[in-house]
Amino acid sequence: QPARPDRVAKAIKPDYALSSHVAPLGLLFYTANALPAEYRGGAFVSEHGSWDRSPLNGYRVSYVAFEQG
């Protein structure tokens, strides 16, 4: 049981959650034409992970699609 269930009940679930031991290093909303059209309007997120985890976590670029911008 959480210490403050009233606050838990009011919490807003994130649309996109990073996993544990990961830090976002960059965010880019893509508006160019070099990639296929389905990438336009979405966001690329670069992640840095922790070096002392097995298996390694982070160290990637993720794409997050957005609907209606």
PDB file of N, CA and C in Angstrom:
ATOM      1  N   GLN A   1       0.841  -1.178   0.000  1.00  0.00           N
ATOM      2  CA  GLN A   1       0.000   0.000   0.000  1.00  0.00           C
ATOM      3  C   GLN A   1       0.888   1.243   0.000  1.00  0.00           C
ATOM      4  N   PRO A   2       0.717   2.138  -0.979  1.00  0.00           N
ATOM      5  CA  PRO A   2       1.521   3.364  -0.982  1.00  0.00           C
ATOM      6  C   PRO A   2       1.197   4.258   0.205  1.00  0.00           C
ATOM      7  N   ALA A   3       2.164   5.087   0.568  1.00  0.00           N
ATOM      8  CA  ALA A   3       1.988   5.990   1.707  1.00  0.00           C
ATOM      9  C   ALA A   3       0.887   7.011   1.463  1.00  0.00           C
ATOM     10  N   ARG A   4       0.707   7.428   0.203  1.00  0.00           N
ATOM     11  CA  ARG A   4      -0.315   8.426  -0.125  1.00  0.00           C
ATOM     12  C   ARG A   4      -1.174   7.921  -1.281  1.00  0.00           C
ATOM     13  N   PRO A   5      -2.098   6.983  -1.039  1.00  0.00           N
ATOM     14  CA  PRO A   5      -2.922   6.455  -2.127  1.00  0.00           C
ATOM     15  C   PRO A   5      -3.748   7.528  -2.825  1.00  0.00           C
ATOM     16  N   ASP A   6      -4.059   8.635  -2.140  1.00  0.00           N
ATOM     17  CA  ASP A   6      -4.808   9.712  -2.782  1.00  0.00           C
ATOM     18  C   ASP A   6      -3.982  10.351  -3.896  1.00  0.00           C
ATOM     19  N   ARG A   7      -2.683  10.476  -3.691  1.00  0.00           N
ATOM     20  CA  ARG A   7      -1.807  11.038  -4.733  1.00  0.00           C
ATOM     21  C   ARG A   7      -1.585  10.050  -5.872  1.00  0.00           C
ATOM     22  N   VAL A   8      -1.477   8.791  -5.533  1.00  0.00           N
ATOM     23  CA  VAL A   8      -1.329   7.769  -6.565  1.00  0.00           C
ATOM     24  C   VAL A   8      -2.554   7.773  -7.473  1.00  0.00           C
ATOM     25  N   ALA A   9      -3.727   7.915  -6.897  1.00  0.00           N
ATOM     26  CA  ALA A   9      -4.971   7.919  -7.673  1.00  0.00           C
ATOM     27  C   ALA A   9      -5.046   9.107  -8.627  1.00  0.00           C
ATOM     28  N   LYS A  10      -4.394  10.224  -8.272  1.00  0.00           N
ATOM     29  CA  LYS A  10      -4.418  11.424  -9.109  1.00  0.00           C
ATOM     30  C   LYS A  10      -3.265  11.482 -10.107  1.00  0.00           C
ATOM     31  N   ALA A  11      -2.333  10.547 -10.025  1.00  0.00           N
ATOM     32  CA  ALA A  11      -1.153  10.573 -10.901  1.00  0.00           C
ATOM     33  C   ALA A  11      -1.556  10.384 -12.359  1.00  0.00           C
ATOM     34  N   ILE A  12      -0.849  11.066 -13.240  1.00  0.00           N
ATOM     35  CA  ILE A  12      -1.091  10.965 -14.672  1.00  0.00           C
ATOM     36  C   ILE A  12      -0.075   9.992 -15.261  1.00  0.00           C
ATOM     37  N   LYS A  13      -0.548   8.961 -15.891  1.00  0.00           N
ATOM     38  CA  LYS A  13       0.332   7.972 -16.493  1.00  0.00           C
ATOM     39  C   LYS A  13       1.041   8.602 -17.691  1.00  0.00           C
ATOM     40  N   PRO A  14       2.363   8.419 -17.803  1.00  0.00           N
ATOM     41  CA  PRO A  14       3.083   9.020 -18.940  1.00  0.00           C
ATOM     42  C   PRO A  14       2.686   8.367 -20.262  1.00  0.00           C
ATOM     43  N   ASP A  15       2.720   9.139 -21.329  1.00  0.00           N
ATOM     44  CA  ASP A  15       2.467   8.593 -22.664  1.00  0.00           C
ATOM     45  C   ASP A  15       3.620   7.709 -23.114  1.00  0.00           C
ATOM     46  N   TYR A  16       4.819   8.067 -22.696  1.00  0.00           N
ATOM     47  CA  TYR A  16       6.015   7.293 -23.036  1.00  0.00           C
ATOM     48  C   TYR A  16       6.917   7.297 -21.816  1.00  0.00           C
ATOM     49  N   ALA A  17       7.224   6.129 -21.311  1.00  0.00           N
ATOM     50  CA  ALA A  17       8.055   6.043 -20.113  1.00  0.00           C
ATOM     51  C   ALA A  17       9.414   5.446 -20.447  1.00  0.00           C
ATOM     52  N   LEU A  18      10.454   6.018 -19.895  1.00  0.00           N
ATOM     53  CA  LEU A  18      11.795   5.456 -20.021  1.00  0.00           C
ATOM     54  C   LEU A  18      11.952   4.370 -18.969  1.00  0.00           C
ATOM     55  N   SER A  19      12.786   3.402 -19.260  1.00  0.00           N
ATOM     56  CA  SER A  19      13.022   2.352 -18.278  1.00  0.00           C
ATOM     57  C   SER A  19      13.969   2.843 -17.188  1.00  0.00           C
ATOM     58  N   SER A  20      14.181   2.029 -16.202  1.00  0.00           N
ATOM     59  CA  SER A  20      15.041   2.428 -15.086  1.00  0.00           C
ATOM     60  C   SER A  20      16.492   2.562 -15.530  1.00  0.00           C
ATOM     61  N   HIS A  21      17.234   3.406 -14.855  1.00  0.00           N
ATOM     62  CA  HIS A  21      18.658   3.645 -15.101  1.00  0.00           C
ATOM     63  C   HIS A  21      18.933   4.195 -16.491  1.00  0.00           C
ATOM     64  N   VAL A  22      18.002   4.970 -17.025  1.00  0.00           N
ATOM     65  CA  VAL A  22      18.136   5.581 -18.349  1.00  0.00           C
ATOM     66  C   VAL A  22      17.894   7.079 -18.207  1.00  0.00           C
ATOM     67  N   ALA A  23      18.698   7.865 -18.932  1.00  0.00           N
ATOM     68  CA  ALA A  23      18.516   9.320 -18.941  1.00  0.00           C
ATOM     69  C   ALA A  23      18.331   9.783 -20.377  1.00  0.00           C
ATOM     70  N   PRO A  24      17.300  10.600 -20.643  1.00  0.00           N
ATOM     71  CA  PRO A  24      17.162  11.152 -21.994  1.00  0.00           C
ATOM     72  C   PRO A  24      18.209  12.243 -22.210  1.00  0.00           C
ATOM     73  N   LEU A  25      18.921  12.166 -23.326  1.00  0.00           N
ATOM     74  CA  LEU A  25      19.949  13.158 -23.605  1.00  0.00           C
ATOM     75  C   LEU A  25      19.534  14.141 -24.680  1.00  0.00           C
ATOM     76  N   GLY A  26      18.593  13.760 -25.504  1.00  0.00           N
ATOM     77  CA  GLY A  26      18.179  14.640 -26.583  1.00  0.00           C
ATOM     78  C   GLY A  26      16.765  14.320 -27.032  1.00  0.00           C
ATOM     79  N   LEU A  27      16.093  15.319 -27.572  1.00  0.00           N
ATOM     80  CA  LEU A  27      14.732  15.174 -28.069  1.00  0.00           C
ATOM     81  C   LEU A  27      14.612  15.997 -29.341  1.00  0.00           C
ATOM     82  N   LEU A  28      14.131  15.353 -30.402  1.00  0.00           N
ATOM     83  CA  LEU A  28      13.985  16.043 -31.672  1.00  0.00           C
ATOM     84  C   LEU A  28      12.616  15.723 -32.261  1.00  0.00           C
ATOM     85  N   PHE A  29      11.814  16.755 -32.509  1.00  0.00           N
ATOM     86  CA  PHE A  29      10.554  16.568 -33.227  1.00  0.00           C
ATOM     87  C   PHE A  29      10.873  16.645 -34.711  1.00  0.00           C
ATOM     88  N   TYR A  30      10.581  15.575 -35.417  1.00  0.00           N
ATOM     89  CA  TYR A  30      10.997  15.451 -36.809  1.00  0.00           C
ATOM     90  C   TYR A  30       9.996  16.126 -37.744  1.00  0.00           C
ATOM     91  N   THR A  31      10.505  17.044 -38.581  1.00  0.00           N
ATOM     92  CA  THR A  31       9.641  17.762 -39.526  1.00  0.00           C
ATOM     93  C   THR A  31      10.184  17.736 -40.950  1.00  0.00           C
ATOM     94  N   ALA A  32      11.316  17.074 -41.159  1.00  0.00           N
ATOM     95  CA  ALA A  32      11.958  17.075 -42.482  1.00  0.00           C
ATOM     96  C   ALA A  32      11.322  16.034 -43.409  1.00  0.00           C
ATOM     97  N   ASN A  33      11.913  15.861 -44.583  1.00  0.00           N
ATOM     98  CA  ASN A  33      11.391  14.926 -45.582  1.00  0.00           C
ATOM     99  C   ASN A  33      12.363  13.803 -45.932  1.00  0.00           C
ATOM    100  N   ALA A  34      13.463  13.653 -45.200  1.00  0.00           N
ATOM    101  CA  ALA A  34      14.462  12.642 -45.531  1.00  0.00           C
ATOM    102  C   ALA A  34      14.007  11.224 -45.184  1.00  0.00           C
ATOM    103  N   LEU A  35      13.170  11.080 -44.189  1.00  0.00           N
ATOM    104  CA  LEU A  35      12.638   9.773 -43.782  1.00  0.00           C
ATOM    105  C   LEU A  35      11.219   9.617 -44.316  1.00  0.00           C
ATOM    106  N   PRO A  36      10.675   8.391 -44.280  1.00  0.00           N
ATOM    107  CA  PRO A  36       9.298   8.210 -44.735  1.00  0.00           C
ATOM    108  C   PRO A  36       8.307   9.114 -43.989  1.00  0.00           C
ATOM    109  N   ALA A  37       7.205   9.411 -44.641  1.00  0.00           N
ATOM    110  CA  ALA A  37       6.218  10.373 -44.124  1.00  0.00           C
ATOM    111  C   ALA A  37       5.683  10.013 -42.744  1.00  0.00           C
ATOM    112  N   GLU A  38       5.618   8.730 -42.402  1.00  0.00           N
ATOM    113  CA  GLU A  38       5.044   8.357 -41.099  1.00  0.00           C
ATOM    114  C   GLU A  38       5.888   8.820 -39.913  1.00  0.00           C
ATOM    115  N   TYR A  39       7.120   9.269 -40.158  1.00  0.00           N
ATOM    116  CA  TYR A  39       7.955   9.788 -39.075  1.00  0.00           C
ATOM    117  C   TYR A  39       7.727  11.275 -38.815  1.00  0.00           C
ATOM    118  N   ARG A  40       7.140  11.984 -39.732  1.00  0.00           N
ATOM    119  CA  ARG A  40       6.934  13.421 -39.559  1.00  0.00           C
ATOM    120  C   ARG A  40       5.964  13.699 -38.413  1.00  0.00           C
ATOM    121  N   GLY A  41       6.344  14.630 -37.577  1.00  0.00           N
ATOM    122  CA  GLY A  41       5.508  14.996 -36.434  1.00  0.00           C
ATOM    123  C   GLY A  41       5.808  14.197 -35.180  1.00  0.00           C
ATOM    124  N   GLY A  42       6.589  13.130 -35.306  1.00  0.00           N
ATOM    125  CA  GLY A  42       6.960  12.330 -34.143  1.00  0.00           C
ATOM    126  C   GLY A  42       8.247  12.832 -33.526  1.00  0.00           C
ATOM    127  N   ALA A  43       8.664  12.186 -32.471  1.00  0.00           N
ATOM    128  CA  ALA A  43       9.863  12.615 -31.751  1.00  0.00           C
ATOM    129  C   ALA A  43      10.880  11.487 -31.670  1.00  0.00           C
ATOM    130  N   PHE A  44      12.136  11.847 -31.856  1.00  0.00           N
ATOM    131  CA  PHE A  44      13.241  10.929 -31.625  1.00  0.00           C
ATOM    132  C   PHE A  44      13.856  11.293 -30.280  1.00  0.00           C
ATOM    133  N   VAL A  45      14.088  10.284 -29.444  1.00  0.00           N
ATOM    134  CA  VAL A  45      14.641  10.494 -28.110  1.00  0.00           C
ATOM    135  C   VAL A  45      15.937   9.698 -28.009  1.00  0.00           C
ATOM    136  N   SER A  46      17.042  10.381 -27.741  1.00  0.00           N
ATOM    137  CA  SER A  46      18.298   9.667 -27.521  1.00  0.00           C
ATOM    138  C   SER A  46      18.437   9.382 -26.024  1.00  0.00           C
ATOM    139  N   GLU A  47      18.856   8.165 -25.726  1.00  0.00           N
ATOM    140  CA  GLU A  47      18.942   7.727 -24.332  1.00  0.00           C
ATOM    141  C   GLU A  47      20.373   7.329 -23.977  1.00  0.00           C
ATOM    142  N   HIS A  48      20.739   7.623 -22.751  1.00  0.00           N
ATOM    143  CA  HIS A  48      22.021   7.197 -22.197  1.00  0.00           C
ATOM    144  C   HIS A  48      21.702   6.215 -21.085  1.00  0.00           C
ATOM    145  N   GLY A  49      22.401   5.108 -21.060  1.00  0.00           N
ATOM    146  CA  GLY A  49      22.138   4.095 -20.043  1.00  0.00           C
ATOM    147  C   GLY A  49      23.207   4.038 -18.976  1.00  0.00           C
ATOM    148  N   SER A  50      23.120   3.010 -18.170  1.00  0.00           N
ATOM    149  CA  SER A  50      24.064   2.789 -17.091  1.00  0.00           C
ATOM    150  C   SER A  50      25.088   1.752 -17.528  1.00  0.00           C
ATOM    151  N   TRP A  51      26.346   2.011 -17.281  1.00  0.00           N
ATOM    152  CA  TRP A  51      27.413   1.115 -17.730  1.00  0.00           C
ATOM    153  C   TRP A  51      27.489  -0.160 -16.898  1.00  0.00           C
ATOM    154  N   ASP A  52      26.940  -0.142 -15.676  1.00  0.00           N
ATOM    155  CA  ASP A  52      27.123  -1.295 -14.789  1.00  0.00           C
ATOM    156  C   ASP A  52      25.869  -2.162 -14.677  1.00  0.00           C
ATOM    157  N   ARG A  53      25.111  -2.266 -15.746  1.00  0.00           N
ATOM    158  CA  ARG A  53      23.916  -3.110 -15.779  1.00  0.00           C
ATOM    159  C   ARG A  53      24.136  -4.249 -16.759  1.00  0.00           C
ATOM    160  N   SER A  54      23.587  -5.387 -16.439  1.00  0.00           N
ATOM    161  CA  SER A  54      23.663  -6.516 -17.356  1.00  0.00           C
ATOM    162  C   SER A  54      22.275  -7.128 -17.456  1.00  0.00           C
ATOM    163  N   PRO A  55      21.665  -7.110 -18.613  1.00  0.00           N
ATOM    164  CA  PRO A  55      22.180  -6.565 -19.868  1.00  0.00           C
ATOM    165  C   PRO A  55      22.148  -5.034 -19.840  1.00  0.00           C
ATOM    166  N   LEU A  56      22.912  -4.427 -20.746  1.00  0.00           N
ATOM    167  CA  LEU A  56      22.956  -2.967 -20.830  1.00  0.00           C
ATOM    168  C   LEU A  56      21.565  -2.412 -21.105  1.00  0.00           C
ATOM    169  N   ASN A  57      21.279  -1.286 -20.528  1.00  0.00           N
ATOM    170  CA  ASN A  57      19.981  -0.646 -20.683  1.00  0.00           C
ATOM    171  C   ASN A  57      20.208   0.781 -21.160  1.00  0.00           C
ATOM    172  N   GLY A  58      19.369   1.246 -22.070  1.00  0.00           N
ATOM    173  CA  GLY A  58      19.562   2.578 -22.628  1.00  0.00           C
ATOM    174  C   GLY A  58      20.423   2.474 -23.873  1.00  0.00           C
ATOM    175  N   TYR A  59      21.252   3.458 -24.104  1.00  0.00           N
ATOM    176  CA  TYR A  59      22.156   3.462 -25.250  1.00  0.00           C
ATOM    177  C   TYR A  59      21.401   3.214 -26.551  1.00  0.00           C
ATOM    178  N   ARG A  60      20.362   3.984 -26.771  1.00  0.00           N
ATOM    179  CA  ARG A  60      19.576   3.805 -27.985  1.00  0.00           C
ATOM    180  C   ARG A  60      18.882   5.109 -28.357  1.00  0.00           C
ATOM    181  N   VAL A  61      18.332   5.102 -29.540  1.00  0.00           N
ATOM    182  CA  VAL A  61      17.476   6.187 -30.003  1.00  0.00           C
ATOM    183  C   VAL A  61      16.097   5.584 -30.216  1.00  0.00           C
ATOM    184  N   SER A  62      15.101   6.165 -29.571  1.00  0.00           N
ATOM    185  CA  SER A  62      13.721   5.680 -29.678  1.00  0.00           C
ATOM    186  C   SER A  62      12.893   6.657 -30.491  1.00  0.00           C
ATOM    187  N   TYR A  63      11.862   6.160 -31.098  1.00  0.00           N
ATOM    188  CA  TYR A  63      10.933   7.005 -31.842  1.00  0.00           C
ATOM    189  C   TYR A  63       9.579   6.953 -31.144  1.00  0.00           C
ATOM    190  N   VAL A  64       8.983   8.112 -30.938  1.00  0.00           N
ATOM    191  CA  VAL A  64       7.673   8.211 -30.306  1.00  0.00           C
ATOM    192  C   VAL A  64       6.729   8.889 -31.286  1.00  0.00           C
ATOM    193  N   ALA A  65       5.715   8.152 -31.725  1.00  0.00           N
ATOM    194  CA  ALA A  65       4.742   8.702 -32.669  1.00  0.00           C
ATOM    195  C   ALA A  65       3.744   9.595 -31.930  1.00  0.00           C
ATOM    196  N   PHE A  66       3.356  10.680 -32.569  1.00  0.00           N
ATOM    197  CA  PHE A  66       2.348  11.575 -32.017  1.00  0.00           C
ATOM    198  C   PHE A  66       1.187  11.646 -32.990  1.00  0.00           C
ATOM    199  N   GLU A  67      -0.010  11.618 -32.470  1.00  0.00           N
ATOM    200  CA  GLU A  67      -1.197  11.773 -33.304  1.00  0.00           C
ATOM    201  C   GLU A  67      -1.728  13.183 -33.134  1.00  0.00           C
ATOM    202  N   GLN A  68      -2.040  13.815 -34.214  1.00  0.00           N
ATOM    203  CA  GLN A  68      -2.604  15.166 -34.231  1.00  0.00           C
ATOM    204  C   GLN A  68      -1.690  16.170 -33.533  1.00  0.00           C
ATOM    205  N   GLY A  69      -0.374  15.971 -33.715  1.00  0.00           N
ATOM    206  CA  GLY A  69       0.666  16.894 -33.257  1.00  0.00           C
ATOM    207  C   GLY A  69       0.573  17.327 -31.864  1.00  0.00           C
TER     208      GLY A  69
END
